[in-house]
Amino acid sequence: MVYAAFALFGVAMALIHFVWSLGPVAFARGGSPLPYTSTHAALVGVRASVGFPIAFVLMRVFPDQPLPIFGLAMCLFFSAGMVMTVLDRRLKAAATRTSTFAMTS
Protein backbone atom coordinates (compact mmCIF):
# COMPACT_ATOMS: atom_id res chain seq x y z
CA MET A 1 0.00 0.00 0.00
CA VAL A 2 2.85 2.38 0.83
CA TYR A 3 4.54 1.75 -2.52
CA ALA A 4 1.30 2.44 -4.40
CA ALA A 5 0.76 5.65 -2.43
CA PHE A 6 4.33 6.78 -3.12
CA ALA A 7 3.93 5.98 -6.83
CA LEU A 8 0.71 8.00 -6.91
CA PHE A 9 2.48 10.84 -5.10
CA GLY A 10 5.29 10.75 -7.69
CA VAL A 11 2.86 10.91 -10.60
CA ALA A 12 0.98 13.79 -8.96
CA MET A 13 4.20 15.73 -8.37
CA ALA A 14 5.27 15.15 -11.99
CA LEU A 15 1.94 16.56 -13.18
CA ILE A 16 2.26 19.56 -10.87
CA HIS A 17 5.73 20.24 -12.27
CA PHE A 18 4.36 19.93 -15.81
CA VAL A 19 1.53 22.39 -15.11
CA TRP A 20 3.85 24.77 -13.22
CA SER A 21 6.24 24.83 -16.21
CA LEU A 22 3.75 25.02 -19.08
CA GLY A 23 0.83 26.84 -17.44
CA PRO A 24 2.26 30.35 -17.97
CA VAL A 25 2.99 29.52 -21.61
CA ALA A 26 -0.65 28.56 -22.12
CA PHE A 27 -1.88 31.75 -20.45
CA ALA A 28 0.53 33.93 -22.44
CA ARG A 29 -0.94 32.71 -25.76
CA GLY A 30 2.11 33.45 -27.86
CA GLY A 31 3.32 36.34 -25.68
CA SER A 32 5.91 36.36 -22.97
CA PRO A 33 5.11 33.97 -20.11
CA LEU A 34 7.52 35.80 -17.77
CA PRO A 35 4.90 38.14 -16.18
CA TYR A 36 2.69 35.16 -15.32
CA THR A 37 5.55 33.11 -13.89
CA SER A 38 7.00 35.95 -11.82
CA THR A 39 3.58 37.03 -10.51
CA HIS A 40 2.72 33.47 -9.56
CA ALA A 41 6.02 33.02 -7.73
CA ALA A 42 5.54 36.33 -5.90
CA LEU A 43 2.00 35.41 -4.86
CA VAL A 44 3.19 32.04 -3.55
CA GLY A 45 5.76 33.89 -1.46
CA VAL A 46 3.12 36.30 -0.15
CA ARG A 47 0.88 33.39 0.73
CA ALA A 48 3.68 31.71 2.66
CA SER A 49 4.78 34.92 4.38
CA VAL A 50 1.29 36.06 5.36
CA GLY A 51 -0.81 32.93 5.38
CA PHE A 52 1.15 30.71 7.75
CA PRO A 53 1.51 33.25 10.58
CA ILE A 54 -2.16 34.23 10.35
CA ALA A 55 -3.16 30.56 10.21
CA PHE A 56 -1.11 29.95 13.35
CA VAL A 57 -2.92 32.79 15.14
CA LEU A 58 -6.29 31.49 13.92
CA MET A 59 -5.36 28.03 15.15
CA ARG A 60 -4.69 29.47 18.62
CA VAL A 61 -7.84 31.63 18.64
CA PHE A 62 -10.14 28.91 17.29
CA PRO A 63 -8.80 25.61 18.65
CA ASP A 64 -10.27 22.45 17.12
CA GLN A 65 -11.95 24.46 14.33
CA PRO A 66 -10.23 24.21 10.95
CA LEU A 67 -12.89 26.26 9.13
CA PRO A 68 -11.32 29.71 9.82
CA ILE A 69 -7.96 28.49 8.54
CA PHE A 70 -9.53 27.09 5.37
CA GLY A 71 -11.44 30.35 5.00
CA LEU A 72 -8.16 32.26 5.13
CA ALA A 73 -6.63 29.93 2.54
CA MET A 74 -9.70 30.39 0.32
CA CYS A 75 -9.47 34.19 0.60
CA LEU A 76 -5.77 34.17 -0.30
CA PHE A 77 -6.45 31.84 -3.24
CA PHE A 78 -9.23 34.03 -4.63
CA SER A 79 -7.17 37.18 -4.08
CA ALA A 80 -4.32 35.67 -6.07
CA GLY A 81 -6.80 34.67 -8.78
CA MET A 82 -8.03 38.25 -8.99
CA VAL A 83 -4.47 39.59 -9.27
CA MET A 84 -3.74 37.13 -12.09
CA THR A 85 -7.01 38.06 -13.85
CA VAL A 86 -6.14 41.78 -13.72
CA LEU A 87 -2.64 41.00 -15.01
CA ASP A 88 -4.09 38.93 -17.86
CA ARG A 89 -6.45 41.72 -18.89
CA ARG A 90 -3.69 44.32 -18.78
CA LEU A 91 -1.35 42.19 -20.88
CA LYS A 92 -4.09 41.46 -23.44
CA ALA A 93 -4.94 45.17 -23.66
CA ALA A 94 -1.26 46.06 -24.10
CA ALA A 95 -0.88 43.41 -26.80
CA THR A 96 -3.96 44.73 -28.62
CA ARG A 97 -2.65 48.31 -28.50
CA THR A 98 0.75 47.19 -29.75
CA SER A 99 -0.65 45.12 -32.62
CA THR A 100 -3.08 47.91 -33.60
CA PHE A 101 -0.24 50.44 -33.57
CA ALA A 102 1.96 48.13 -35.62
CA MET A 103 -0.79 47.67 -38.23
CA THR A 104 -1.44 51.40 -38.65
CA SER A 105 2.14 52.65 -38.75
PDB file of N, CA and C in Angstrom:
ATOM      1  N   MET A   1       0.816  -1.186   0.000  1.00  0.00           N
ATOM      2  CA  MET A   1       0.000   0.000   0.000  1.00  0.00           C
ATOM      3  C   MET A   1       0.869   1.263   0.000  1.00  0.00           C
ATOM      4  N   VAL A   2       1.958   1.227   0.752  1.00  0.00           N
ATOM      5  CA  VAL A   2       2.849   2.384   0.831  1.00  0.00           C
ATOM      6  C   VAL A   2       3.508   2.640  -0.523  1.00  0.00           C
ATOM      7  N   TYR A   3       3.915   1.578  -1.212  1.00  0.00           N
ATOM      8  CA  TYR A   3       4.539   1.747  -2.524  1.00  0.00           C
ATOM      9  C   TYR A   3       3.549   2.341  -3.518  1.00  0.00           C
ATOM     10  N   ALA A   4       2.323   1.898  -3.490  1.00  0.00           N
ATOM     11  CA  ALA A   4       1.303   2.435  -4.397  1.00  0.00           C
ATOM     12  C   ALA A   4       1.045   3.912  -4.088  1.00  0.00           C
ATOM     13  N   ALA A   5       0.980   4.252  -2.808  1.00  0.00           N
ATOM     14  CA  ALA A   5       0.763   5.647  -2.426  1.00  0.00           C
ATOM     15  C   ALA A   5       1.934   6.515  -2.863  1.00  0.00           C
ATOM     16  N   PHE A   6       3.156   6.010  -2.711  1.00  0.00           N
ATOM     17  CA  PHE A   6       4.327   6.776  -3.122  1.00  0.00           C
ATOM     18  C   PHE A   6       4.377   6.927  -4.640  1.00  0.00           C
ATOM     19  N   ALA A   7       3.986   5.889  -5.367  1.00  0.00           N
ATOM     20  CA  ALA A   7       3.928   5.981  -6.829  1.00  0.00           C
ATOM     21  C   ALA A   7       2.891   7.015  -7.260  1.00  0.00           C
ATOM     22  N   LEU A   8       1.743   7.018  -6.612  1.00  0.00           N
ATOM     23  CA  LEU A   8       0.707   8.004  -6.913  1.00  0.00           C
ATOM     24  C   LEU A   8       1.205   9.419  -6.589  1.00  0.00           C
ATOM     25  N   PHE A   9       1.894   9.568  -5.473  1.00  0.00           N
ATOM     26  CA  PHE A   9       2.480  10.842  -5.105  1.00  0.00           C
ATOM     27  C   PHE A   9       3.472  11.309  -6.168  1.00  0.00           C
ATOM     28  N   GLY A  10       4.320  10.414  -6.655  1.00  0.00           N
ATOM     29  CA  GLY A  10       5.294  10.755  -7.690  1.00  0.00           C
ATOM     30  C   GLY A  10       4.636  11.213  -8.977  1.00  0.00           C
ATOM     31  N   VAL A  11       3.579  10.518  -9.387  1.00  0.00           N
ATOM     32  CA  VAL A  11       2.856  10.913 -10.597  1.00  0.00           C
ATOM     33  C   VAL A  11       2.217  12.283 -10.400  1.00  0.00           C
ATOM     34  N   ALA A  12       1.611  12.492  -9.238  1.00  0.00           N
ATOM     35  CA  ALA A  12       0.984  13.785  -8.962  1.00  0.00           C
ATOM     36  C   ALA A  12       2.009  14.913  -8.972  1.00  0.00           C
ATOM     37  N   MET A  13       3.170  14.699  -8.386  1.00  0.00           N
ATOM     38  CA  MET A  13       4.201  15.729  -8.375  1.00  0.00           C
ATOM     39  C   MET A  13       4.744  15.991  -9.784  1.00  0.00           C
ATOM     40  N   ALA A  14       4.839  14.960 -10.606  1.00  0.00           N
ATOM     41  CA  ALA A  14       5.273  15.154 -11.991  1.00  0.00           C
ATOM     42  C   ALA A  14       4.260  16.005 -12.752  1.00  0.00           C
ATOM     43  N   LEU A  15       2.977  15.764 -12.517  1.00  0.00           N
ATOM     44  CA  LEU A  15       1.941  16.560 -13.185  1.00  0.00           C
ATOM     45  C   LEU A  15       1.945  18.005 -12.682  1.00  0.00           C
ATOM     46  N   ILE A  16       2.172  18.194 -11.403  1.00  0.00           N
ATOM     47  CA  ILE A  16       2.256  19.556 -10.871  1.00  0.00           C
ATOM     48  C   ILE A  16       3.437  20.295 -11.501  1.00  0.00           C
ATOM     49  N   HIS A  17       4.563  19.618 -11.634  1.00  0.00           N
ATOM     50  CA  HIS A  17       5.728  20.240 -12.271  1.00  0.00           C
ATOM     51  C   HIS A  17       5.421  20.588 -13.727  1.00  0.00           C
ATOM     52  N   PHE A  18       4.739  19.710 -14.418  1.00  0.00           N
ATOM     53  CA  PHE A  18       4.359  19.934 -15.809  1.00  0.00           C
ATOM     54  C   PHE A  18       3.466  21.175 -15.925  1.00  0.00           C
ATOM     55  N   VAL A  19       2.449  21.254 -15.064  1.00  0.00           N
ATOM     56  CA  VAL A  19       1.534  22.391 -15.106  1.00  0.00           C
ATOM     57  C   VAL A  19       2.246  23.672 -14.692  1.00  0.00           C
ATOM     58  N   TRP A  20       3.104  23.598 -13.684  1.00  0.00           N
ATOM     59  CA  TRP A  20       3.853  24.768 -13.223  1.00  0.00           C
ATOM     60  C   TRP A  20       4.727  25.304 -14.364  1.00  0.00           C
ATOM     61  N   SER A  21       5.331  24.407 -15.142  1.00  0.00           N
ATOM     62  CA  SER A  21       6.237  24.831 -16.208  1.00  0.00           C
ATOM     63  C   SER A  21       5.501  25.332 -17.442  1.00  0.00           C
ATOM     64  N   LEU A  22       4.418  24.672 -17.823  1.00  0.00           N
ATOM     65  CA  LEU A  22       3.752  25.019 -19.076  1.00  0.00           C
ATOM     66  C   LEU A  22       2.501  25.869 -18.904  1.00  0.00           C
ATOM     67  N   GLY A  23       2.020  26.021 -17.671  1.00  0.00           N
ATOM     68  CA  GLY A  23       0.829  26.843 -17.437  1.00  0.00           C
ATOM     69  C   GLY A  23       0.996  28.280 -17.893  1.00  0.00           C
ATOM     70  N   PRO A  24       2.090  28.961 -17.519  1.00  0.00           N
ATOM     71  CA  PRO A  24       2.263  30.346 -17.968  1.00  0.00           C
ATOM     72  C   PRO A  24       2.351  30.473 -19.490  1.00  0.00           C
ATOM     73  N   VAL A  25       2.906  29.482 -20.147  1.00  0.00           N
ATOM     74  CA  VAL A  25       2.991  29.521 -21.611  1.00  0.00           C
ATOM     75  C   VAL A  25       1.595  29.466 -22.212  1.00  0.00           C
ATOM     76  N   ALA A  26       0.730  28.652 -21.625  1.00  0.00           N
ATOM     77  CA  ALA A  26      -0.646  28.561 -22.117  1.00  0.00           C
ATOM     78  C   ALA A  26      -1.398  29.866 -21.883  1.00  0.00           C
ATOM     79  N   PHE A  27      -1.191  30.490 -20.723  1.00  0.00           N
ATOM     80  CA  PHE A  27      -1.876  31.746 -20.450  1.00  0.00           C
ATOM     81  C   PHE A  27      -1.349  32.878 -21.320  1.00  0.00           C
ATOM     82  N   ALA A  28      -0.073  32.849 -21.658  1.00  0.00           N
ATOM     83  CA  ALA A  28       0.526  33.930 -22.441  1.00  0.00           C
ATOM     84  C   ALA A  28       0.028  33.941 -23.883  1.00  0.00           C
ATOM     85  N   ARG A  29      -0.396  32.822 -24.403  1.00  0.00           N
ATOM     86  CA  ARG A  29      -0.941  32.711 -25.763  1.00  0.00           C
ATOM     87  C   ARG A  29      -0.041  33.363 -26.808  1.00  0.00           C
ATOM     88  N   GLY A  30       1.186  32.937 -26.860  1.00  0.00           N
ATOM     89  CA  GLY A  30       2.112  33.453 -27.855  1.00  0.00           C
ATOM     90  C   GLY A  30       2.922  34.641 -27.381  1.00  0.00           C
ATOM     91  N   GLY A  31       2.555  35.220 -26.246  1.00  0.00           N
ATOM     92  CA  GLY A  31       3.317  36.337 -25.685  1.00  0.00           C
ATOM     93  C   GLY A  31       4.371  35.824 -24.728  1.00  0.00           C
ATOM     94  N   SER A  32       4.884  36.726 -23.936  1.00  0.00           N
ATOM     95  CA  SER A  32       5.912  36.357 -22.968  1.00  0.00           C
ATOM     96  C   SER A  32       5.269  35.757 -21.716  1.00  0.00           C
ATOM     97  N   PRO A  33       5.672  34.560 -21.323  1.00  0.00           N
ATOM     98  CA  PRO A  33       5.114  33.967 -20.106  1.00  0.00           C
ATOM     99  C   PRO A  33       5.756  34.487 -18.821  1.00  0.00           C
ATOM    100  N   LEU A  34       6.794  35.324 -18.937  1.00  0.00           N
ATOM    101  CA  LEU A  34       7.517  35.801 -17.768  1.00  0.00           C
ATOM    102  C   LEU A  34       6.644  36.555 -16.763  1.00  0.00           C
ATOM    103  N   PRO A  35       5.734  37.462 -17.190  1.00  0.00           N
ATOM    104  CA  PRO A  35       4.903  38.139 -16.185  1.00  0.00           C
ATOM    105  C   PRO A  35       4.033  37.175 -15.379  1.00  0.00           C
ATOM    106  N   TYR A  36       3.527  36.137 -16.025  1.00  0.00           N
ATOM    107  CA  TYR A  36       2.692  35.165 -15.321  1.00  0.00           C
ATOM    108  C   TYR A  36       3.517  34.349 -14.326  1.00  0.00           C
ATOM    109  N   THR A  37       4.699  33.922 -14.757  1.00  0.00           N
ATOM    110  CA  THR A  37       5.552  33.114 -13.892  1.00  0.00           C
ATOM    111  C   THR A  37       6.032  33.922 -12.686  1.00  0.00           C
ATOM    112  N   SER A  38       6.487  35.141 -12.925  1.00  0.00           N
ATOM    113  CA  SER A  38       7.000  35.948 -11.823  1.00  0.00           C
ATOM    114  C   SER A  38       5.888  36.363 -10.869  1.00  0.00           C
ATOM    115  N   THR A  39       4.703  36.674 -11.385  1.00  0.00           N
ATOM    116  CA  THR A  39       3.581  37.026 -10.510  1.00  0.00           C
ATOM    117  C   THR A  39       3.151  35.832  -9.685  1.00  0.00           C
ATOM    118  N   HIS A  40       3.097  34.685 -10.297  1.00  0.00           N
ATOM    119  CA  HIS A  40       2.720  33.471  -9.564  1.00  0.00           C
ATOM    120  C   HIS A  40       3.718  33.195  -8.441  1.00  0.00           C
ATOM    121  N   ALA A  41       4.998  33.282  -8.752  1.00  0.00           N
ATOM    122  CA  ALA A  41       6.016  33.020  -7.729  1.00  0.00           C
ATOM    123  C   ALA A  41       5.927  34.042  -6.592  1.00  0.00           C
ATOM    124  N   ALA A  42       5.672  35.299  -6.939  1.00  0.00           N
ATOM    125  CA  ALA A  42       5.536  36.330  -5.903  1.00  0.00           C
ATOM    126  C   ALA A  42       4.320  36.076  -5.029  1.00  0.00           C
ATOM    127  N   LEU A  43       3.211  35.675  -5.639  1.00  0.00           N
ATOM    128  CA  LEU A  43       1.998  35.411  -4.857  1.00  0.00           C
ATOM    129  C   LEU A  43       2.159  34.181  -3.964  1.00  0.00           C
ATOM    130  N   VAL A  44       2.907  33.199  -4.410  1.00  0.00           N
ATOM    131  CA  VAL A  44       3.187  32.039  -3.553  1.00  0.00           C
ATOM    132  C   VAL A  44       4.013  32.480  -2.344  1.00  0.00           C
ATOM    133  N   GLY A  45       4.968  33.367  -2.573  1.00  0.00           N
ATOM    134  CA  GLY A  45       5.761  33.895  -1.465  1.00  0.00           C
ATOM    135  C   GLY A  45       4.935  34.713  -0.492  1.00  0.00           C
ATOM    136  N   VAL A  46       4.013  35.525  -1.018  1.00  0.00           N
ATOM    137  CA  VAL A  46       3.119  36.304  -0.152  1.00  0.00           C
ATOM    138  C   VAL A  46       2.241  35.375   0.667  1.00  0.00           C
ATOM    139  N   ARG A  47       1.720  34.345   0.008  1.00  0.00           N
ATOM    140  CA  ARG A  47       0.875  33.391   0.728  1.00  0.00           C
ATOM    141  C   ARG A  47       1.644  32.728   1.866  1.00  0.00           C
ATOM    142  N   ALA A  48       2.880  32.356   1.615  1.00  0.00           N
ATOM    143  CA  ALA A  48       3.676  31.715   2.663  1.00  0.00           C
ATOM    144  C   ALA A  48       4.047  32.699   3.765  1.00  0.00           C
ATOM    145  N   SER A  49       4.365  33.924   3.394  1.00  0.00           N
ATOM    146  CA  SER A  49       4.775  34.921   4.380  1.00  0.00           C
ATOM    147  C   SER A  49       3.624  35.410   5.245  1.00  0.00           C
ATOM    148  N   VAL A  50       2.452  35.518   4.651  1.00  0.00           N
ATOM    149  CA  VAL A  50       1.293  36.056   5.359  1.00  0.00           C
ATOM    150  C   VAL A  50       0.387  34.949   5.886  1.00  0.00           C
ATOM    151  N   GLY A  51       0.170  33.956   5.055  1.00  0.00           N
ATOM    152  CA  GLY A  51      -0.812  32.927   5.383  1.00  0.00           C
ATOM    153  C   GLY A  51      -0.450  32.064   6.572  1.00  0.00           C
ATOM    154  N   PHE A  52       0.771  31.611   6.652  1.00  0.00           N
ATOM    155  CA  PHE A  52       1.153  30.712   7.747  1.00  0.00           C
ATOM    156  C   PHE A  52       1.106  31.386   9.117  1.00  0.00           C
ATOM    157  N   PRO A  53       1.639  32.609   9.259  1.00  0.00           N
ATOM    158  CA  PRO A  53       1.507  33.253  10.580  1.00  0.00           C
ATOM    159  C   PRO A  53       0.052  33.528  10.980  1.00  0.00           C
ATOM    160  N   ILE A  54      -0.750  33.979  10.024  1.00  0.00           N
ATOM    161  CA  ILE A  54      -2.162  34.231  10.345  1.00  0.00           C
ATOM    162  C   ILE A  54      -2.872  32.923  10.657  1.00  0.00           C
ATOM    163  N   ALA A  55      -2.560  31.866   9.921  1.00  0.00           N
ATOM    164  CA  ALA A  55      -3.165  30.562  10.214  1.00  0.00           C
ATOM    165  C   ALA A  55      -2.774  30.079  11.605  1.00  0.00           C
ATOM    166  N   PHE A  56      -1.539  30.338  12.007  1.00  0.00           N
ATOM    167  CA  PHE A  56      -1.113  29.946  13.349  1.00  0.00           C
ATOM    168  C   PHE A  56      -1.916  30.699  14.411  1.00  0.00           C
ATOM    169  N   VAL A  57      -2.119  32.000  14.193  1.00  0.00           N
ATOM    170  CA  VAL A  57      -2.922  32.786  15.136  1.00  0.00           C
ATOM    171  C   VAL A  57      -4.364  32.276  15.151  1.00  0.00           C
ATOM    172  N   LEU A  58      -4.924  32.010  13.977  1.00  0.00           N
ATOM    173  CA  LEU A  58      -6.294  31.492  13.915  1.00  0.00           C
ATOM    174  C   LEU A  58      -6.406  30.140  14.603  1.00  0.00           C
ATOM    175  N   MET A  59      -5.355  29.329  14.484  1.00  0.00           N
ATOM    176  CA  MET A  59      -5.365  28.025  15.145  1.00  0.00           C
ATOM    177  C   MET A  59      -5.382  28.191  16.661  1.00  0.00           C
ATOM    178  N   ARG A  60      -4.699  29.212  17.170  1.00  0.00           N
ATOM    179  CA  ARG A  60      -4.693  29.468  18.619  1.00  0.00           C
ATOM    180  C   ARG A  60      -6.021  30.082  19.084  1.00  0.00           C
ATOM    181  N   VAL A  61      -6.594  30.964  18.263  1.00  0.00           N
ATOM    182  CA  VAL A  61      -7.842  31.635  18.636  1.00  0.00           C
ATOM    183  C   VAL A  61      -9.034  30.685  18.546  1.00  0.00           C
ATOM    184  N   PHE A  62      -9.053  29.855  17.503  1.00  0.00           N
ATOM    185  CA  PHE A  62     -10.144  28.907  17.286  1.00  0.00           C
ATOM    186  C   PHE A  62      -9.613  27.475  17.371  1.00  0.00           C
ATOM    187  N   PRO A  63      -9.327  26.979  18.554  1.00  0.00           N
ATOM    188  CA  PRO A  63      -8.799  25.607  18.651  1.00  0.00           C
ATOM    189  C   PRO A  63      -9.858  24.588  18.214  1.00  0.00           C
ATOM    190  N   ASP A  64      -9.411  23.549  17.581  1.00  0.00           N
ATOM    191  CA  ASP A  64     -10.266  22.450  17.116  1.00  0.00           C
ATOM    192  C   ASP A  64     -11.290  22.886  16.075  1.00  0.00           C
ATOM    193  N   GLN A  65     -11.062  24.001  15.401  1.00  0.00           N
ATOM    194  CA  GLN A  65     -11.951  24.459  14.333  1.00  0.00           C
ATOM    195  C   GLN A  65     -11.116  24.803  13.100  1.00  0.00           C
ATOM    196  N   PRO A  66     -11.056  23.927  12.127  1.00  0.00           N
ATOM    197  CA  PRO A  66     -10.232  24.209  10.948  1.00  0.00           C
ATOM    198  C   PRO A  66     -10.894  25.165   9.955  1.00  0.00           C
ATOM    199  N   LEU A  67     -12.186  25.430  10.102  1.00  0.00           N
ATOM    200  CA  LEU A  67     -12.891  26.262   9.126  1.00  0.00           C
ATOM    201  C   LEU A  67     -12.298  27.667   8.963  1.00  0.00           C
ATOM    202  N   PRO A  68     -11.929  28.386  10.031  1.00  0.00           N
ATOM    203  CA  PRO A  68     -11.324  29.709   9.818  1.00  0.00           C
ATOM    204  C   PRO A  68     -10.012  29.654   9.035  1.00  0.00           C
ATOM    205  N   ILE A  69      -9.230  28.624   9.258  1.00  0.00           N
ATOM    206  CA  ILE A  69      -7.960  28.494   8.536  1.00  0.00           C
ATOM    207  C   ILE A  69      -8.219  28.216   7.059  1.00  0.00           C
ATOM    208  N   PHE A  70      -9.185  27.345   6.772  1.00  0.00           N
ATOM    209  CA  PHE A  70      -9.529  27.092   5.371  1.00  0.00           C
ATOM    210  C   PHE A  70     -10.158  28.326   4.730  1.00  0.00           C
ATOM    211  N   GLY A  71     -10.892  29.090   5.518  1.00  0.00           N
ATOM    212  CA  GLY A  71     -11.444  30.347   5.005  1.00  0.00           C
ATOM    213  C   GLY A  71     -10.341  31.321   4.625  1.00  0.00           C
ATOM    214  N   LEU A  72      -9.309  31.420   5.457  1.00  0.00           N
ATOM    215  CA  LEU A  72      -8.158  32.263   5.129  1.00  0.00           C
ATOM    216  C   LEU A  72      -7.484  31.779   3.847  1.00  0.00           C
ATOM    217  N   ALA A  73      -7.272  30.476   3.743  1.00  0.00           N
ATOM    218  CA  ALA A  73      -6.634  29.926   2.536  1.00  0.00           C
ATOM    219  C   ALA A  73      -7.486  30.225   1.299  1.00  0.00           C
ATOM    220  N   MET A  74      -8.797  30.115   1.439  1.00  0.00           N
ATOM    221  CA  MET A  74      -9.696  30.389   0.319  1.00  0.00           C
ATOM    222  C   MET A  74      -9.611  31.863  -0.083  1.00  0.00           C
ATOM    223  N   CYS A  75      -9.578  32.759   0.901  1.00  0.00           N
ATOM    224  CA  CYS A  75      -9.470  34.192   0.602  1.00  0.00           C
ATOM    225  C   CYS A  75      -8.154  34.515  -0.110  1.00  0.00           C
ATOM    226  N   LEU A  76      -7.062  33.937   0.361  1.00  0.00           N
ATOM    227  CA  LEU A  76      -5.773  34.168  -0.298  1.00  0.00           C
ATOM    228  C   LEU A  76      -5.775  33.607  -1.717  1.00  0.00           C
ATOM    229  N   PHE A  77      -6.389  32.449  -1.913  1.00  0.00           N
ATOM    230  CA  PHE A  77      -6.455  31.843  -3.239  1.00  0.00           C
ATOM    231  C   PHE A  77      -7.249  32.725  -4.203  1.00  0.00           C
ATOM    232  N   PHE A  78      -8.415  33.194  -3.759  1.00  0.00           N
ATOM    233  CA  PHE A  78      -9.231  34.029  -4.631  1.00  0.00           C
ATOM    234  C   PHE A  78      -8.585  35.399  -4.867  1.00  0.00           C
ATOM    235  N   SER A  79      -7.887  35.927  -3.881  1.00  0.00           N
ATOM    236  CA  SER A  79      -7.167  37.182  -4.077  1.00  0.00           C
ATOM    237  C   SER A  79      -6.083  37.021  -5.137  1.00  0.00           C
ATOM    238  N   ALA A  80      -5.353  35.928  -5.067  1.00  0.00           N
ATOM    239  CA  ALA A  80      -4.321  35.667  -6.073  1.00  0.00           C
ATOM    240  C   ALA A  80      -4.951  35.486  -7.455  1.00  0.00           C
ATOM    241  N   GLY A  81      -6.095  34.832  -7.502  1.00  0.00           N
ATOM    242  CA  GLY A  81      -6.797  34.673  -8.779  1.00  0.00           C
ATOM    243  C   GLY A  81      -7.217  36.009  -9.368  1.00  0.00           C
ATOM    244  N   MET A  82      -7.651  36.922  -8.509  1.00  0.00           N
ATOM    245  CA  MET A  82      -8.034  38.250  -8.990  1.00  0.00           C
ATOM    246  C   MET A  82      -6.816  39.026  -9.505  1.00  0.00           C
ATOM    247  N   VAL A  83      -5.697  38.915  -8.805  1.00  0.00           N
ATOM    248  CA  VAL A  83      -4.475  39.586  -9.267  1.00  0.00           C
ATOM    249  C   VAL A  83      -4.067  39.043 -10.629  1.00  0.00           C
ATOM    250  N   MET A  84      -4.117  37.730 -10.798  1.00  0.00           N
ATOM    251  CA  MET A  84      -3.743  37.132 -12.089  1.00  0.00           C
ATOM    252  C   MET A  84      -4.735  37.519 -13.191  1.00  0.00           C
ATOM    253  N   THR A  85      -6.008  37.649 -12.861  1.00  0.00           N
ATOM    254  CA  THR A  85      -7.010  38.064 -13.849  1.00  0.00           C
ATOM    255  C   THR A  85      -6.750  39.495 -14.298  1.00  0.00           C
ATOM    256  N   VAL A  86      -6.455  40.388 -13.369  1.00  0.00           N
ATOM    257  CA  VAL A  86      -6.138  41.776 -13.721  1.00  0.00           C
ATOM    258  C   VAL A  86      -4.877  41.823 -14.584  1.00  0.00           C
ATOM    259  N   LEU A  87      -3.863  41.049 -14.213  1.00  0.00           N
ATOM    260  CA  LEU A  87      -2.639  40.997 -15.015  1.00  0.00           C
ATOM    261  C   LEU A  87      -2.945  40.500 -16.425  1.00  0.00           C
ATOM    262  N   ASP A  88      -3.752  39.470 -16.546  1.00  0.00           N
ATOM    263  CA  ASP A  88      -4.094  38.926 -17.856  1.00  0.00           C
ATOM    264  C   ASP A  88      -4.803  39.967 -18.710  1.00  0.00           C
ATOM    265  N   ARG A  89      -5.735  40.685 -18.129  1.00  0.00           N
ATOM    266  CA  ARG A  89      -6.454  41.716 -18.892  1.00  0.00           C
ATOM    267  C   ARG A  89      -5.529  42.841 -19.312  1.00  0.00           C
ATOM    268  N   ARG A  90      -4.633  43.258 -18.422  1.00  0.00           N
ATOM    269  CA  ARG A  90      -3.688  44.321 -18.780  1.00  0.00           C
ATOM    270  C   ARG A  90      -2.760  43.882 -19.907  1.00  0.00           C
ATOM    271  N   LEU A  91      -2.266  42.658 -19.832  1.00  0.00           N
ATOM    272  CA  LEU A  91      -1.354  42.185 -20.877  1.00  0.00           C
ATOM    273  C   LEU A  91      -2.069  42.033 -22.208  1.00  0.00           C
ATOM    274  N   LYS A  92      -3.324  41.573 -22.187  1.00  0.00           N
ATOM    275  CA  LYS A  92      -4.095  41.463 -23.438  1.00  0.00           C
ATOM    276  C   LYS A  92      -4.359  42.842 -24.026  1.00  0.00           C
ATOM    277  N   ALA A  93      -4.695  43.812 -23.176  1.00  0.00           N
ATOM    278  CA  ALA A  93      -4.941  45.168 -23.661  1.00  0.00           C
ATOM    279  C   ALA A  93      -3.670  45.765 -24.245  1.00  0.00           C
ATOM    280  N   ALA A  94      -2.539  45.549 -23.594  1.00  0.00           N
ATOM    281  CA  ALA A  94      -1.265  46.061 -24.101  1.00  0.00           C
ATOM    282  C   ALA A  94      -0.911  45.407 -25.430  1.00  0.00           C
ATOM    283  N   ALA A  95      -1.171  44.106 -25.548  1.00  0.00           N
ATOM    284  CA  ALA A  95      -0.882  43.407 -26.804  1.00  0.00           C
ATOM    285  C   ALA A  95      -1.782  43.913 -27.919  1.00  0.00           C
ATOM    286  N   THR A  96      -3.035  44.211 -27.612  1.00  0.00           N
ATOM    287  CA  THR A  96      -3.956  44.725 -28.623  1.00  0.00           C
ATOM    288  C   THR A  96      -3.521  46.110 -29.075  1.00  0.00           C
ATOM    289  N   ARG A  97      -3.122  46.973 -28.133  1.00  0.00           N
ATOM    290  CA  ARG A  97      -2.653  48.312 -28.502  1.00  0.00           C
ATOM    291  C   ARG A  97      -1.396  48.227 -29.350  1.00  0.00           C
ATOM    292  N   THR A  98      -0.497  47.333 -29.006  1.00  0.00           N
ATOM    293  CA  THR A  98       0.751  47.189 -29.753  1.00  0.00           C
ATOM    294  C   THR A  98       0.488  46.678 -31.160  1.00  0.00           C
ATOM    295  N   SER A  99      -0.377  45.674 -31.290  1.00  0.00           N
ATOM    296  CA  SER A  99      -0.651  45.120 -32.621  1.00  0.00           C
ATOM    297  C   SER A  99      -1.435  46.122 -33.463  1.00  0.00           C
ATOM    298  N   THR A 100      -2.347  46.898 -32.862  1.00  0.00           N
ATOM    299  CA  THR A 100      -3.079  47.911 -33.603  1.00  0.00           C
ATOM    300  C   THR A 100      -2.139  48.997 -34.068  1.00  0.00           C
ATOM    301  N   PHE A 101      -1.221  49.417 -33.209  1.00  0.00           N
ATOM    302  CA  PHE A 101      -0.245  50.438 -33.573  1.00  0.00           C
ATOM    303  C   PHE A 101       0.667  49.939 -34.683  1.00  0.00           C
ATOM    304  N   ALA A 102       1.067  48.693 -34.613  1.00  0.00           N
ATOM    305  CA  ALA A 102       1.959  48.127 -35.623  1.00  0.00           C
ATOM    306  C   ALA A 102       1.257  48.043 -36.982  1.00  0.00           C
ATOM    307  N   MET A 103      -0.056  47.799 -36.970  1.00  0.00           N
ATOM    308  CA  MET A 103      -0.789  47.675 -38.226  1.00  0.00           C
ATOM    309  C   MET A 103      -1.027  49.033 -38.880  1.00  0.00           C
ATOM    310  N   THR A 104      -1.154  50.095 -38.078  1.00  0.00           N
ATOM    311  CA  THR A 104      -1.445  51.397 -38.646  1.00  0.00           C
ATOM    312  C   THR A 104      -0.198  52.207 -38.986  1.00  0.00           C
ATOM    313  N   SER A 105       0.950  51.840 -38.462  1.00  0.00           N
ATOM    314  CA  SER A 105       2.144  52.652 -38.751  1.00  0.00           C
ATOM    315  C   SER A 105       2.911  52.132 -39.921  1.00  0.00           C
TER     316      SER A 105
END
